[in-house]
Amino acid sequence: MEKIFDSNDFPARDALSAWEKATADAVMPTSFKLIGTNYFRGWVSTMPLGAVQISRMAYSSYLTRRTPKLIRTSDPEILVSCVTNSGPHVIEQKRNHATLRPGEIVFLESSCPFETYADGGNMLIHFPRALLPLPNRYVDRLICRALPGNQGMGRLVADFLTRLTEDSTTYTPHDAARLGTIALDLVTATLAHFLERERDIPSDSRQRVLYAQITSFIEHHLGDTSLTAGEVAAAHHISVRSLHRLFQQHGVTVRSWIRGQRLERCRRDLADPLKRHVPIHAIAARWGFAQPADFTRAFRALHGITPSDYRNQAQRHGTQTGTQS
């Protein structure tokens, strides 16, 4: 994610107009009016993924409008999938009214006027509506409707956005294109699910969504030491053979993928200064390593260093970084 706007970088009197320009460039032109405050506070970060873009933002209370005049001036003809992070959000578009709670999802389109009251933050996936392989007459039914983001396909979209917007990894152009395809697949599958039109999803897209569903399921069960390929397959109503074939298409085995994810979670916890007092064996157990010795061997084989030495180096590096700042 690249931060393209931060109100701290502007004089207080100029922050709102700068925000309006930044969001116009990043998403679409809209007008803003502050509510209950004289000064705007907020930031926005973006991640381009080919034709798809991910955005994350936070803001103080405002009323925003996309008027017919703004649409005539500039219409990127995009569909926006918005996952609310915090604060109240009230949106009106196409005579629909949505009052969103944190974690809920709403779809908006740039080609029709809308009005929003917002205070808090959200995450967005936005892309040309023409890329969506679903008939417009069906998609229109879900515009400006509050949809659950804590279960099923909604949760998968929310988890995907959270991982991308919080991950500090530098992606290659190939990674970006692949992630853009996944984002579009997930949005398509989410809309199709709520419309009960799953049969309209292209077969290759269904396979990619299934892989995303399975890997998300595994990530939520990494701490289960008894997690097996059989349990994963059964949870998704496919055979174990089909499960292995699906992972082989992505160049990994089920077992190696689970092991790799567990090791990565452990590495993050070892590097986290807030967890410096948590015993290493407790971190290993949290992420599914029942035997500390097995974890130590696997970690050293991957990173060339023991978990304790890695933690010590990470803590020293963090201390030096903090001192310099």
C-alpha atoms as a PDB file:
ATOM      1  CA  MET A   1       0.000   0.000   0.000  1.00  0.00           C
ATOM      2  CA  GLU A   2       1.196   3.492  -0.849  1.00  0.00           C
ATOM      3  CA  LYS A   3      -0.092   6.362   1.270  1.00  0.00           C
ATOM      4  CA  ILE A   4      -1.173   9.064  -1.180  1.00  0.00           C
ATOM      5  CA  PHE A   5      -2.741  11.462   1.321  1.00  0.00           C
ATOM      6  CA  ASP A   6      -2.322  12.320   4.992  1.00  0.00           C
ATOM      7  CA  SER A   7      -3.998  15.356   6.521  1.00  0.00           C
ATOM      8  CA  ASN A   8      -0.951  15.830   8.753  1.00  0.00           C
ATOM      9  CA  ASP A   9       0.948  16.922   5.645  1.00  0.00           C
ATOM     10  CA  PHE A  10      -1.306  19.951   5.062  1.00  0.00           C
ATOM     11  CA  PRO A  11      -2.319  23.085   6.921  1.00  0.00           C
ATOM     12  CA  ALA A  12      -5.628  22.468   8.676  1.00  0.00           C
ATOM     13  CA  ARG A  13      -7.501  24.876   6.408  1.00  0.00           C
ATOM     14  CA  ASP A  14      -6.298  23.055   3.267  1.00  0.00           C
ATOM     15  CA  ALA A  15      -6.723  19.428   4.343  1.00  0.00           C
ATOM     16  CA  LEU A  16     -10.294  18.901   3.126  1.00  0.00           C
ATOM     17  CA  SER A  17      -9.694  20.289  -0.366  1.00  0.00           C
ATOM     18  CA  ALA A  18      -6.531  18.193  -0.654  1.00  0.00           C
ATOM     19  CA  TRP A  19      -8.496  15.118   0.471  1.00  0.00           C
ATOM     20  CA  GLU A  20     -11.154  15.845  -2.153  1.00  0.00           C
ATOM     21  CA  LYS A  21      -8.523  15.934  -4.880  1.00  0.00           C
ATOM     22  CA  ALA A  22      -6.743  12.795  -3.607  1.00  0.00           C
ATOM     23  CA  THR A  23      -9.917  10.712  -3.471  1.00  0.00           C
ATOM     24  CA  ALA A  24     -11.015  12.022  -6.875  1.00  0.00           C
ATOM     25  CA  ASP A  25      -7.759  10.763  -8.373  1.00  0.00           C
ATOM     26  CA  ALA A  26      -7.781   7.500  -6.410  1.00  0.00           C
ATOM     27  CA  VAL A  27     -11.452   6.514  -6.724  1.00  0.00           C
ATOM     28  CA  MET A  28     -13.879   9.052  -8.257  1.00  0.00           C
ATOM     29  CA  PRO A  29     -14.734  12.768  -7.935  1.00  0.00           C
ATOM     30  CA  THR A  30     -17.134  13.597  -5.090  1.00  0.00           C
ATOM     31  CA  SER A  31     -17.847  16.703  -3.022  1.00  0.00           C
ATOM     32  CA  PHE A  32     -17.356  16.865   0.749  1.00  0.00           C
ATOM     33  CA  LYS A  33     -18.819  18.826   3.632  1.00  0.00           C
ATOM     34  CA  LEU A  34     -17.551  18.504   7.205  1.00  0.00           C
ATOM     35  CA  ILE A  35     -20.021  17.531   9.918  1.00  0.00           C
ATOM     36  CA  GLY A  36     -19.517  18.571  13.542  1.00  0.00           C
ATOM     37  CA  THR A  37     -15.952  19.796  13.059  1.00  0.00           C
ATOM     38  CA  ASN A  38     -14.099  22.610  11.361  1.00  0.00           C
ATOM     39  CA  TYR A  39     -11.014  20.617  10.403  1.00  0.00           C
ATOM     40  CA  PHE A  40     -10.636  17.422   8.430  1.00  0.00           C
ATOM     41  CA  ARG A  41      -8.437  14.559   9.615  1.00  0.00           C
ATOM     42  CA  GLY A  42      -7.766  11.492   7.525  1.00  0.00           C
ATOM     43  CA  TRP A  43      -5.534   9.485   5.225  1.00  0.00           C
ATOM     44  CA  VAL A  44      -5.813   7.225   2.191  1.00  0.00           C
ATOM     45  CA  SER A  45      -3.528   4.497   0.821  1.00  0.00           C
ATOM     46  CA  THR A  46      -3.860   2.669  -2.489  1.00  0.00           C
ATOM     47  CA  MET A  47      -2.550  -0.460  -4.202  1.00  0.00           C
ATOM     48  CA  PRO A  48      -2.995  -0.790  -7.994  1.00  0.00           C
ATOM     49  CA  LEU A  49      -3.531  -4.379  -9.141  1.00  0.00           C
ATOM     50  CA  GLY A  50      -3.830  -3.990 -12.886  1.00  0.00           C
ATOM     51  CA  ALA A  51      -7.370  -2.904 -13.757  1.00  0.00           C
ATOM     52  CA  VAL A  52      -8.355  -3.474 -10.131  1.00  0.00           C
ATOM     53  CA  GLN A  53      -7.369  -1.134  -7.312  1.00  0.00           C
ATOM     54  CA  ILE A  54      -7.388  -1.588  -3.551  1.00  0.00           C
ATOM     55  CA  SER A  55      -7.798   1.434  -1.286  1.00  0.00           C
ATOM     56  CA  ARG A  56      -7.856   1.886   2.470  1.00  0.00           C
ATOM     57  CA  MET A  57      -8.809   5.109   4.202  1.00  0.00           C
ATOM     58  CA  ALA A  58      -9.794   6.710   7.486  1.00  0.00           C
ATOM     59  CA  TYR A  59     -11.551  10.038   7.984  1.00  0.00           C
ATOM     60  CA  SER A  60     -13.374  12.374  10.326  1.00  0.00           C
ATOM     61  CA  SER A  61     -17.114  13.065   9.984  1.00  0.00           C
ATOM     62  CA  TYR A  62     -18.273  14.315   6.622  1.00  0.00           C
ATOM     63  CA  LEU A  63     -21.114  14.282   4.133  1.00  0.00           C
ATOM     64  CA  THR A  64     -20.097  13.328   0.606  1.00  0.00           C
ATOM     65  CA  ARG A  65     -22.115  13.598  -2.586  1.00  0.00           C
ATOM     66  CA  ARG A  66     -21.611  12.371  -6.108  1.00  0.00           C
ATOM     67  CA  THR A  67     -23.866  14.598  -8.137  1.00  0.00           C
ATOM     68  CA  PRO A  68     -25.106  14.339 -11.739  1.00  0.00           C
ATOM     69  CA  LYS A  69     -22.805  17.239 -12.596  1.00  0.00           C
ATOM     70  CA  LEU A  70     -19.750  15.398 -11.239  1.00  0.00           C
ATOM     71  CA  ILE A  71     -20.780  12.289 -13.156  1.00  0.00           C
ATOM     72  CA  ARG A  72     -21.038  14.268 -16.393  1.00  0.00           C
ATOM     73  CA  THR A  73     -17.626  15.792 -15.706  1.00  0.00           C
ATOM     74  CA  SER A  74     -15.883  12.512 -14.935  1.00  0.00           C
ATOM     75  CA  ASP A  75     -17.207   8.972 -14.743  1.00  0.00           C
ATOM     76  CA  PRO A  76     -14.680   6.136 -14.492  1.00  0.00           C
ATOM     77  CA  GLU A  77     -17.633   3.677 -14.792  1.00  0.00           C
ATOM     78  CA  ILE A  78     -16.425   1.627 -11.858  1.00  0.00           C
ATOM     79  CA  LEU A  79     -18.064  -0.653  -9.321  1.00  0.00           C
ATOM     80  CA  VAL A  80     -16.901  -0.208  -5.743  1.00  0.00           C
ATOM     81  CA  SER A  81     -17.019  -2.896  -3.069  1.00  0.00           C
ATOM     82  CA  CYS A  82     -16.655  -1.231   0.339  1.00  0.00           C
ATOM     83  CA  VAL A  83     -15.936  -3.032   3.616  1.00  0.00           C
ATOM     84  CA  THR A  84     -16.418  -0.756   6.623  1.00  0.00           C
ATOM     85  CA  ASN A  85     -13.719  -0.917   9.281  1.00  0.00           C
ATOM     86  CA  SER A  86     -15.070   1.420  11.924  1.00  0.00           C
ATOM     87  CA  GLY A  87     -17.580   4.160  12.618  1.00  0.00           C
ATOM     88  CA  PRO A  88     -21.066   4.838  11.259  1.00  0.00           C
ATOM     89  CA  HIS A  89     -21.760   4.895   7.521  1.00  0.00           C
ATOM     90  CA  VAL A  90     -25.099   5.815   5.969  1.00  0.00           C
ATOM     91  CA  ILE A  91     -25.389   5.619   2.175  1.00  0.00           C
ATOM     92  CA  GLU A  92     -28.127   6.324  -0.365  1.00  0.00           C
ATOM     93  CA  GLN A  93     -28.004   5.359  -4.023  1.00  0.00           C
ATOM     94  CA  LYS A  94     -30.689   4.337  -6.525  1.00  0.00           C
ATOM     95  CA  ARG A  95     -33.395   4.978  -3.908  1.00  0.00           C
ATOM     96  CA  ASN A  96     -31.779   2.391  -1.653  1.00  0.00           C
ATOM     97  CA  HIS A  97     -30.693   3.285   1.879  1.00  0.00           C
ATOM     98  CA  ALA A  98     -27.964   1.388   3.736  1.00  0.00           C
ATOM     99  CA  THR A  99     -26.915   1.927   7.344  1.00  0.00           C
ATOM    100  CA  LEU A 100     -23.672   0.003   7.761  1.00  0.00           C
ATOM    101  CA  ARG A 101     -22.081  -1.450  10.846  1.00  0.00           C
ATOM    102  CA  PRO A 102     -18.342  -2.173  11.023  1.00  0.00           C
ATOM    103  CA  GLY A 103     -17.540  -5.278   9.013  1.00  0.00           C
ATOM    104  CA  GLU A 104     -20.468  -5.000   6.626  1.00  0.00           C
ATOM    105  CA  ILE A 105     -20.116  -4.687   2.846  1.00  0.00           C
ATOM    106  CA  VAL A 106     -21.843  -2.385   0.390  1.00  0.00           C
ATOM    107  CA  PHE A 107     -21.592  -2.027  -3.390  1.00  0.00           C
ATOM    108  CA  LEU A 108     -21.750   1.358  -5.113  1.00  0.00           C
ATOM    109  CA  GLU A 109     -21.360   2.467  -8.723  1.00  0.00           C
ATOM    110  CA  SER A 110     -19.800   5.631 -10.059  1.00  0.00           C
ATOM    111  CA  SER A 111     -22.362   6.193 -12.816  1.00  0.00           C
ATOM    112  CA  CYS A 112     -25.275   7.019 -10.494  1.00  0.00           C
ATOM    113  CA  PRO A 113     -25.560   9.815  -7.899  1.00  0.00           C
ATOM    114  CA  PHE A 114     -25.125   8.884  -4.257  1.00  0.00           C
ATOM    115  CA  GLU A 115     -24.872  10.538  -0.873  1.00  0.00           C
ATOM    116  CA  THR A 116     -22.939   9.262   2.143  1.00  0.00           C
ATOM    117  CA  TYR A 117     -22.491  10.227   5.753  1.00  0.00           C
ATOM    118  CA  ALA A 118     -19.293   8.655   7.064  1.00  0.00           C
ATOM    119  CA  ASP A 119     -17.044   8.768  10.097  1.00  0.00           C
ATOM    120  CA  GLY A 120     -14.387   6.101  10.610  1.00  0.00           C
ATOM    121  CA  GLY A 121     -12.682   4.050   7.938  1.00  0.00           C
ATOM    122  CA  ASN A 122     -13.120   1.504   5.182  1.00  0.00           C
ATOM    123  CA  MET A 123     -11.401  -0.720   2.621  1.00  0.00           C
ATOM    124  CA  LEU A 124     -12.324  -0.676  -1.068  1.00  0.00           C
ATOM    125  CA  ILE A 125     -11.998  -2.841  -4.146  1.00  0.00           C
ATOM    126  CA  HIS A 126     -12.849  -0.851  -7.268  1.00  0.00           C
ATOM    127  CA  PHE A 127     -12.666  -1.836 -10.929  1.00  0.00           C
ATOM    128  CA  PRO A 128     -14.369  -1.135 -14.278  1.00  0.00           C
ATOM    129  CA  ARG A 129     -17.889  -2.470 -14.080  1.00  0.00           C
ATOM    130  CA  ALA A 130     -17.489  -3.922 -17.582  1.00  0.00           C
ATOM    131  CA  LEU A 131     -15.088  -6.521 -16.129  1.00  0.00           C
ATOM    132  CA  LEU A 132     -17.796  -8.056 -13.955  1.00  0.00           C
ATOM    133  CA  PRO A 133     -19.034 -11.275 -15.670  1.00  0.00           C
ATOM    134  CA  LEU A 134     -22.569 -10.942 -14.271  1.00  0.00           C
ATOM    135  CA  PRO A 135     -25.611  -9.354 -15.948  1.00  0.00           C
ATOM    136  CA  ASN A 136     -26.213  -5.769 -14.820  1.00  0.00           C
ATOM    137  CA  ARG A 137     -29.903  -6.448 -14.195  1.00  0.00           C
ATOM    138  CA  TYR A 138     -28.943  -8.813 -11.396  1.00  0.00           C
ATOM    139  CA  VAL A 139     -26.090  -6.782  -9.932  1.00  0.00           C
ATOM    140  CA  ASP A 140     -28.364  -3.735  -9.674  1.00  0.00           C
ATOM    141  CA  ARG A 141     -30.402  -5.580  -7.038  1.00  0.00           C
ATOM    142  CA  LEU A 142     -27.495  -5.412  -4.598  1.00  0.00           C
ATOM    143  CA  ILE A 143     -26.383  -1.826  -5.149  1.00  0.00           C
ATOM    144  CA  CYS A 144     -26.430   0.060  -1.829  1.00  0.00           C
ATOM    145  CA  ARG A 145     -27.544  -2.961   0.200  1.00  0.00           C
ATOM    146  CA  ALA A 146     -25.829  -3.800   3.498  1.00  0.00           C
ATOM    147  CA  LEU A 147     -24.332  -7.298   3.200  1.00  0.00           C
ATOM    148  CA  PRO A 148     -22.699  -9.359   5.979  1.00  0.00           C
ATOM    149  CA  GLY A 149     -18.913  -9.419   5.972  1.00  0.00           C
ATOM    150  CA  ASN A 150     -18.412 -11.771   8.919  1.00  0.00           C
ATOM    151  CA  GLN A 151     -19.384 -15.042   7.267  1.00  0.00           C
ATOM    152  CA  GLY A 152     -19.260 -16.919   3.990  1.00  0.00           C
ATOM    153  CA  MET A 153     -18.159 -15.047   0.892  1.00  0.00           C
ATOM    154  CA  GLY A 154     -18.406 -11.687   2.641  1.00  0.00           C
ATOM    155  CA  ARG A 155     -15.844 -12.803   5.186  1.00  0.00           C
ATOM    156  CA  LEU A 156     -13.572 -14.048   2.430  1.00  0.00           C
ATOM    157  CA  VAL A 157     -13.592 -10.611   0.770  1.00  0.00           C
ATOM    158  CA  ALA A 158     -13.003  -8.848   4.095  1.00  0.00           C
ATOM    159  CA  ASP A 159     -10.129 -11.201   4.983  1.00  0.00           C
ATOM    160  CA  PHE A 160      -8.546 -10.720   1.558  1.00  0.00           C
ATOM    161  CA  LEU A 161      -8.683  -6.938   1.865  1.00  0.00           C
ATOM    162  CA  THR A 162      -7.351  -6.983   5.406  1.00  0.00           C
ATOM    163  CA  ARG A 163      -4.372  -9.142   4.448  1.00  0.00           C
ATOM    164  CA  LEU A 164      -3.489  -6.981   1.457  1.00  0.00           C
ATOM    165  CA  THR A 165      -3.853  -3.641   3.216  1.00  0.00           C
ATOM    166  CA  GLU A 166      -1.918  -4.727   6.309  1.00  0.00           C
ATOM    167  CA  ASP A 167       0.818  -6.688   4.523  1.00  0.00           C
ATOM    168  CA  SER A 168       4.125  -4.872   4.063  1.00  0.00           C
ATOM    169  CA  THR A 169       5.246  -7.231   1.276  1.00  0.00           C
ATOM    170  CA  THR A 170       6.503  -5.660  -1.942  1.00  0.00           C
ATOM    171  CA  TYR A 171       4.632  -7.265  -4.825  1.00  0.00           C
ATOM    172  CA  THR A 172       5.989  -7.766  -8.334  1.00  0.00           C
ATOM    173  CA  PRO A 173       3.940  -6.748 -11.412  1.00  0.00           C
ATOM    174  CA  HIS A 174       3.103 -10.443 -11.866  1.00  0.00           C
ATOM    175  CA  ASP A 175       1.879 -10.642  -8.259  1.00  0.00           C
ATOM    176  CA  ALA A 176      -0.235  -7.520  -8.755  1.00  0.00           C
ATOM    177  CA  ALA A 177      -1.961  -8.912 -11.829  1.00  0.00           C
ATOM    178  CA  ARG A 178      -2.653 -12.206 -10.060  1.00  0.00           C
ATOM    179  CA  LEU A 179      -4.008 -10.477  -6.959  1.00  0.00           C
ATOM    180  CA  GLY A 180      -6.201  -8.252  -9.129  1.00  0.00           C
ATOM    181  CA  THR A 181      -7.683 -11.359 -10.748  1.00  0.00           C
ATOM    182  CA  ILE A 182      -8.334 -12.887  -7.322  1.00  0.00           C
ATOM    183  CA  ALA A 183      -9.974  -9.688  -6.081  1.00  0.00           C
ATOM    184  CA  LEU A 184     -12.303  -9.617  -9.090  1.00  0.00           C
ATOM    185  CA  ASP A 185     -13.070 -13.316  -8.639  1.00  0.00           C
ATOM    186  CA  LEU A 186     -13.978 -12.806  -4.980  1.00  0.00           C
ATOM    187  CA  VAL A 187     -16.237  -9.833  -5.706  1.00  0.00           C
ATOM    188  CA  THR A 188     -17.924 -11.781  -8.508  1.00  0.00           C
ATOM    189  CA  ALA A 189     -18.444 -14.805  -6.281  1.00  0.00           C
ATOM    190  CA  THR A 190     -19.799 -12.644  -3.459  1.00  0.00           C
ATOM    191  CA  LEU A 191     -22.351 -10.967  -5.704  1.00  0.00           C
ATOM    192  CA  ALA A 192     -23.310 -14.296  -7.278  1.00  0.00           C
ATOM    193  CA  HIS A 193     -23.728 -15.851  -3.833  1.00  0.00           C
ATOM    194  CA  PHE A 194     -26.132 -13.201  -2.567  1.00  0.00           C
ATOM    195  CA  LEU A 195     -27.982 -13.243  -5.897  1.00  0.00           C
ATOM    196  CA  GLU A 196     -28.075 -17.066  -5.933  1.00  0.00           C
ATOM    197  CA  ARG A 197     -26.499 -16.929  -9.400  1.00  0.00           C
ATOM    198  CA  GLU A 198     -23.386 -19.066  -8.778  1.00  0.00           C
ATOM    199  CA  ARG A 199     -23.961 -20.825 -12.099  1.00  0.00           C
ATOM    200  CA  ASP A 200     -23.108 -17.552 -13.860  1.00  0.00           C
ATOM    201  CA  ILE A 201     -19.528 -17.590 -12.555  1.00  0.00           C
ATOM    202  CA  PRO A 202     -16.966 -18.758 -15.181  1.00  0.00           C
ATOM    203  CA  SER A 203     -15.462 -22.153 -14.320  1.00  0.00           C
ATOM    204  CA  ASP A 204     -11.873 -20.885 -14.041  1.00  0.00           C
ATOM    205  CA  SER A 205     -13.047 -18.166 -11.664  1.00  0.00           C
ATOM    206  CA  ARG A 206     -14.858 -20.770  -9.540  1.00  0.00           C
ATOM    207  CA  GLN A 207     -11.629 -22.740  -9.194  1.00  0.00           C
ATOM    208  CA  ARG A 208      -9.696 -19.685  -8.049  1.00  0.00           C
ATOM    209  CA  VAL A 209     -12.419 -18.791  -5.561  1.00  0.00           C
ATOM    210  CA  LEU A 210     -12.443 -22.361  -4.228  1.00  0.00           C
ATOM    211  CA  TYR A 211      -8.692 -22.169  -3.654  1.00  0.00           C
ATOM    212  CA  ALA A 212      -9.141 -18.842  -1.844  1.00  0.00           C
ATOM    213  CA  GLN A 213     -11.921 -20.338   0.287  1.00  0.00           C
ATOM    214  CA  ILE A 214      -9.793 -23.336   1.217  1.00  0.00           C
ATOM    215  CA  THR A 215      -6.673 -21.340   2.065  1.00  0.00           C
ATOM    216  CA  SER A 216      -8.763 -18.942   4.154  1.00  0.00           C
ATOM    217  CA  PHE A 217     -10.295 -21.912   5.989  1.00  0.00           C
ATOM    218  CA  ILE A 218      -6.836 -23.316   6.700  1.00  0.00           C
ATOM    219  CA  GLU A 219      -5.583 -19.945   7.957  1.00  0.00           C
ATOM    220  CA  HIS A 220      -8.431 -19.804  10.457  1.00  0.00           C
ATOM    221  CA  HIS A 221      -7.557 -23.321  11.702  1.00  0.00           C
ATOM    222  CA  LEU A 222      -3.759 -23.211  11.776  1.00  0.00           C
ATOM    223  CA  GLY A 223      -3.756 -23.668  15.541  1.00  0.00           C
ATOM    224  CA  ASP A 224      -5.509 -27.037  15.219  1.00  0.00           C
ATOM    225  CA  THR A 225      -2.708 -29.576  15.478  1.00  0.00           C
ATOM    226  CA  SER A 226      -4.976 -32.316  14.143  1.00  0.00           C
ATOM    227  CA  LEU A 227      -5.863 -30.442  10.940  1.00  0.00           C
ATOM    228  CA  THR A 228      -5.645 -32.866   8.005  1.00  0.00           C
ATOM    229  CA  ALA A 229      -6.194 -32.764   4.282  1.00  0.00           C
ATOM    230  CA  GLY A 230      -9.226 -34.980   4.819  1.00  0.00           C
ATOM    231  CA  GLU A 231     -10.829 -32.461   7.173  1.00  0.00           C
ATOM    232  CA  VAL A 232     -10.109 -29.595   4.800  1.00  0.00           C
ATOM    233  CA  ALA A 233     -11.579 -31.493   1.846  1.00  0.00           C
ATOM    234  CA  ALA A 234     -14.671 -32.541   3.794  1.00  0.00           C
ATOM    235  CA  ALA A 235     -15.319 -28.950   4.902  1.00  0.00           C
ATOM    236  CA  HIS A 236     -15.480 -27.915   1.246  1.00  0.00           C
ATOM    237  CA  HIS A 237     -17.373 -30.955  -0.052  1.00  0.00           C
ATOM    238  CA  ILE A 238     -14.613 -32.192  -2.337  1.00  0.00           C
ATOM    239  CA  SER A 239     -12.464 -35.312  -2.374  1.00  0.00           C
ATOM    240  CA  VAL A 240      -8.965 -35.375  -0.927  1.00  0.00           C
ATOM    241  CA  ARG A 241      -7.681 -36.162  -4.399  1.00  0.00           C
ATOM    242  CA  SER A 242      -9.356 -33.038  -5.801  1.00  0.00           C
ATOM    243  CA  LEU A 243      -7.884 -30.997  -2.952  1.00  0.00           C
ATOM    244  CA  HIS A 244      -4.346 -32.185  -3.721  1.00  0.00           C
ATOM    245  CA  ARG A 245      -4.868 -31.535  -7.434  1.00  0.00           C
ATOM    246  CA  LEU A 246      -6.044 -27.981  -6.701  1.00  0.00           C
ATOM    247  CA  PHE A 247      -2.928 -27.188  -4.658  1.00  0.00           C
ATOM    248  CA  GLN A 248      -0.670 -28.810  -7.246  1.00  0.00           C
ATOM    249  CA  GLN A 249      -2.008 -26.296  -9.769  1.00  0.00           C
ATOM    250  CA  HIS A 250      -0.508 -23.602  -7.520  1.00  0.00           C
ATOM    251  CA  GLY A 251       2.838 -25.378  -7.264  1.00  0.00           C
ATOM    252  CA  VAL A 252       2.526 -26.560  -3.648  1.00  0.00           C
ATOM    253  CA  THR A 253       1.242 -29.492  -1.632  1.00  0.00           C
ATOM    254  CA  VAL A 254      -1.446 -29.128   1.015  1.00  0.00           C
ATOM    255  CA  ARG A 255       0.965 -30.178   3.740  1.00  0.00           C
ATOM    256  CA  SER A 256       3.761 -27.807   2.690  1.00  0.00           C
ATOM    257  CA  TRP A 257       1.331 -24.887   2.396  1.00  0.00           C
ATOM    258  CA  ILE A 258      -0.033 -25.468   5.903  1.00  0.00           C
ATOM    259  CA  ARG A 259       3.464 -25.833   7.303  1.00  0.00           C
ATOM    260  CA  GLY A 260       4.641 -22.689   5.548  1.00  0.00           C
ATOM    261  CA  GLN A 261       1.752 -20.642   6.903  1.00  0.00           C
ATOM    262  CA  ARG A 262       2.365 -21.896  10.431  1.00  0.00           C
ATOM    263  CA  LEU A 263       6.034 -21.021  10.246  1.00  0.00           C
ATOM    264  CA  GLU A 264       5.239 -17.553   8.925  1.00  0.00           C
ATOM    265  CA  ARG A 265       2.789 -16.871  11.774  1.00  0.00           C
ATOM    266  CA  CYS A 266       5.432 -17.994  14.251  1.00  0.00           C
ATOM    267  CA  ARG A 267       8.052 -15.776  12.626  1.00  0.00           C
ATOM    268  CA  ARG A 268       5.769 -12.749  12.901  1.00  0.00           C
ATOM    269  CA  ASP A 269       5.071 -13.423  16.567  1.00  0.00           C
ATOM    270  CA  LEU A 270       8.772 -13.877  17.308  1.00  0.00           C
ATOM    271  CA  ALA A 271       9.496 -10.506  15.711  1.00  0.00           C
ATOM    272  CA  ASP A 272       6.626  -8.767  17.517  1.00  0.00           C
ATOM    273  CA  PRO A 273       7.972  -6.705  20.455  1.00  0.00           C
ATOM    274  CA  LEU A 274       4.569  -6.948  22.156  1.00  0.00           C
ATOM    275  CA  LYS A 275       5.052 -10.733  22.328  1.00  0.00           C
ATOM    276  CA  ARG A 276       8.656 -10.727  23.518  1.00  0.00           C
ATOM    277  CA  HIS A 277       7.630 -12.223  26.865  1.00  0.00           C
ATOM    278  CA  VAL A 278       5.611 -15.067  25.327  1.00  0.00           C
ATOM    279  CA  PRO A 279       7.590 -18.340  25.527  1.00  0.00           C
ATOM    280  CA  ILE A 280       8.701 -19.694  22.174  1.00  0.00           C
ATOM    281  CA  HIS A 281       7.045 -23.049  22.811  1.00  0.00           C
ATOM    282  CA  ALA A 282       3.749 -21.217  23.458  1.00  0.00           C
ATOM    283  CA  ILE A 283       4.038 -19.379  20.132  1.00  0.00           C
ATOM    284  CA  ALA A 284       4.760 -22.676  18.373  1.00  0.00           C
ATOM    285  CA  ALA A 285       1.783 -24.344  20.026  1.00  0.00           C
ATOM    286  CA  ARG A 286      -0.507 -21.445  19.141  1.00  0.00           C
ATOM    287  CA  TRP A 287       0.175 -22.039  15.468  1.00  0.00           C
ATOM    288  CA  GLY A 288      -0.137 -25.805  15.424  1.00  0.00           C
ATOM    289  CA  PHE A 289       3.302 -27.154  16.353  1.00  0.00           C
ATOM    290  CA  ALA A 290       2.620 -29.691  19.085  1.00  0.00           C
ATOM    291  CA  GLN A 291       6.312 -30.540  19.619  1.00  0.00           C
ATOM    292  CA  PRO A 292       8.755 -27.653  20.272  1.00  0.00           C
ATOM    293  CA  ALA A 293      11.637 -29.659  18.837  1.00  0.00           C
ATOM    294  CA  ASP A 294       9.785 -30.154  15.554  1.00  0.00           C
ATOM    295  CA  PHE A 295       9.156 -26.427  15.349  1.00  0.00           C
ATOM    296  CA  THR A 296      12.793 -25.551  16.040  1.00  0.00           C
ATOM    297  CA  ARG A 297      14.021 -27.917  13.315  1.00  0.00           C
ATOM    298  CA  ALA A 298      11.497 -26.638  10.768  1.00  0.00           C
ATOM    299  CA  PHE A 299      12.205 -22.990  11.578  1.00  0.00           C
ATOM    300  CA  ARG A 300      15.964 -23.458  11.361  1.00  0.00           C
ATOM    301  CA  ALA A 301      15.674 -25.370   8.084  1.00  0.00           C
ATOM    302  CA  LEU A 302      13.688 -22.495   6.568  1.00  0.00           C
ATOM    303  CA  HIS A 303      15.497 -19.469   8.025  1.00  0.00           C
ATOM    304  CA  GLY A 304      18.956 -20.861   8.808  1.00  0.00           C
ATOM    305  CA  ILE A 305      18.705 -19.701  12.412  1.00  0.00           C
ATOM    306  CA  THR A 306      17.042 -20.934  15.593  1.00  0.00           C
ATOM    307  CA  PRO A 307      13.789 -19.309  16.767  1.00  0.00           C
ATOM    308  CA  SER A 308      15.484 -17.863  19.857  1.00  0.00           C
ATOM    309  CA  ASP A 309      18.314 -16.323  17.835  1.00  0.00           C
ATOM    310  CA  TYR A 310      15.807 -14.934  15.332  1.00  0.00           C
ATOM    311  CA  ARG A 311      13.814 -13.331  18.139  1.00  0.00           C
ATOM    312  CA  ASN A 312      16.939 -11.788  19.657  1.00  0.00           C
ATOM    313  CA  GLN A 313      18.026 -10.348  16.320  1.00  0.00           C
ATOM    314  CA  ALA A 314      14.550  -9.003  15.604  1.00  0.00           C
ATOM    315  CA  GLN A 315      14.342  -7.334  19.012  1.00  0.00           C
ATOM    316  CA  ARG A 316      17.773  -5.705  18.590  1.00  0.00           C
ATOM    317  CA  HIS A 317      16.864  -4.481  15.137  1.00  0.00           C
ATOM    318  CA  GLY A 318      13.577  -3.071  16.398  1.00  0.00           C
ATOM    319  CA  THR A 319      15.297  -1.255  19.239  1.00  0.00           C
ATOM    320  CA  GLN A 320      17.856   0.282  16.887  1.00  0.00           C
ATOM    321  CA  THR A 321      15.125   1.350  14.447  1.00  0.00           C
ATOM    322  CA  GLY A 322      13.122   2.929  17.227  1.00  0.00           C
ATOM    323  CA  THR A 323      16.171   4.806  18.518  1.00  0.00           C
ATOM    324  CA  GLN A 324      16.931   6.268  15.111  1.00  0.00           C
ATOM    325  CA  SER A 325      13.396   7.484  14.618  1.00  0.00           C
END
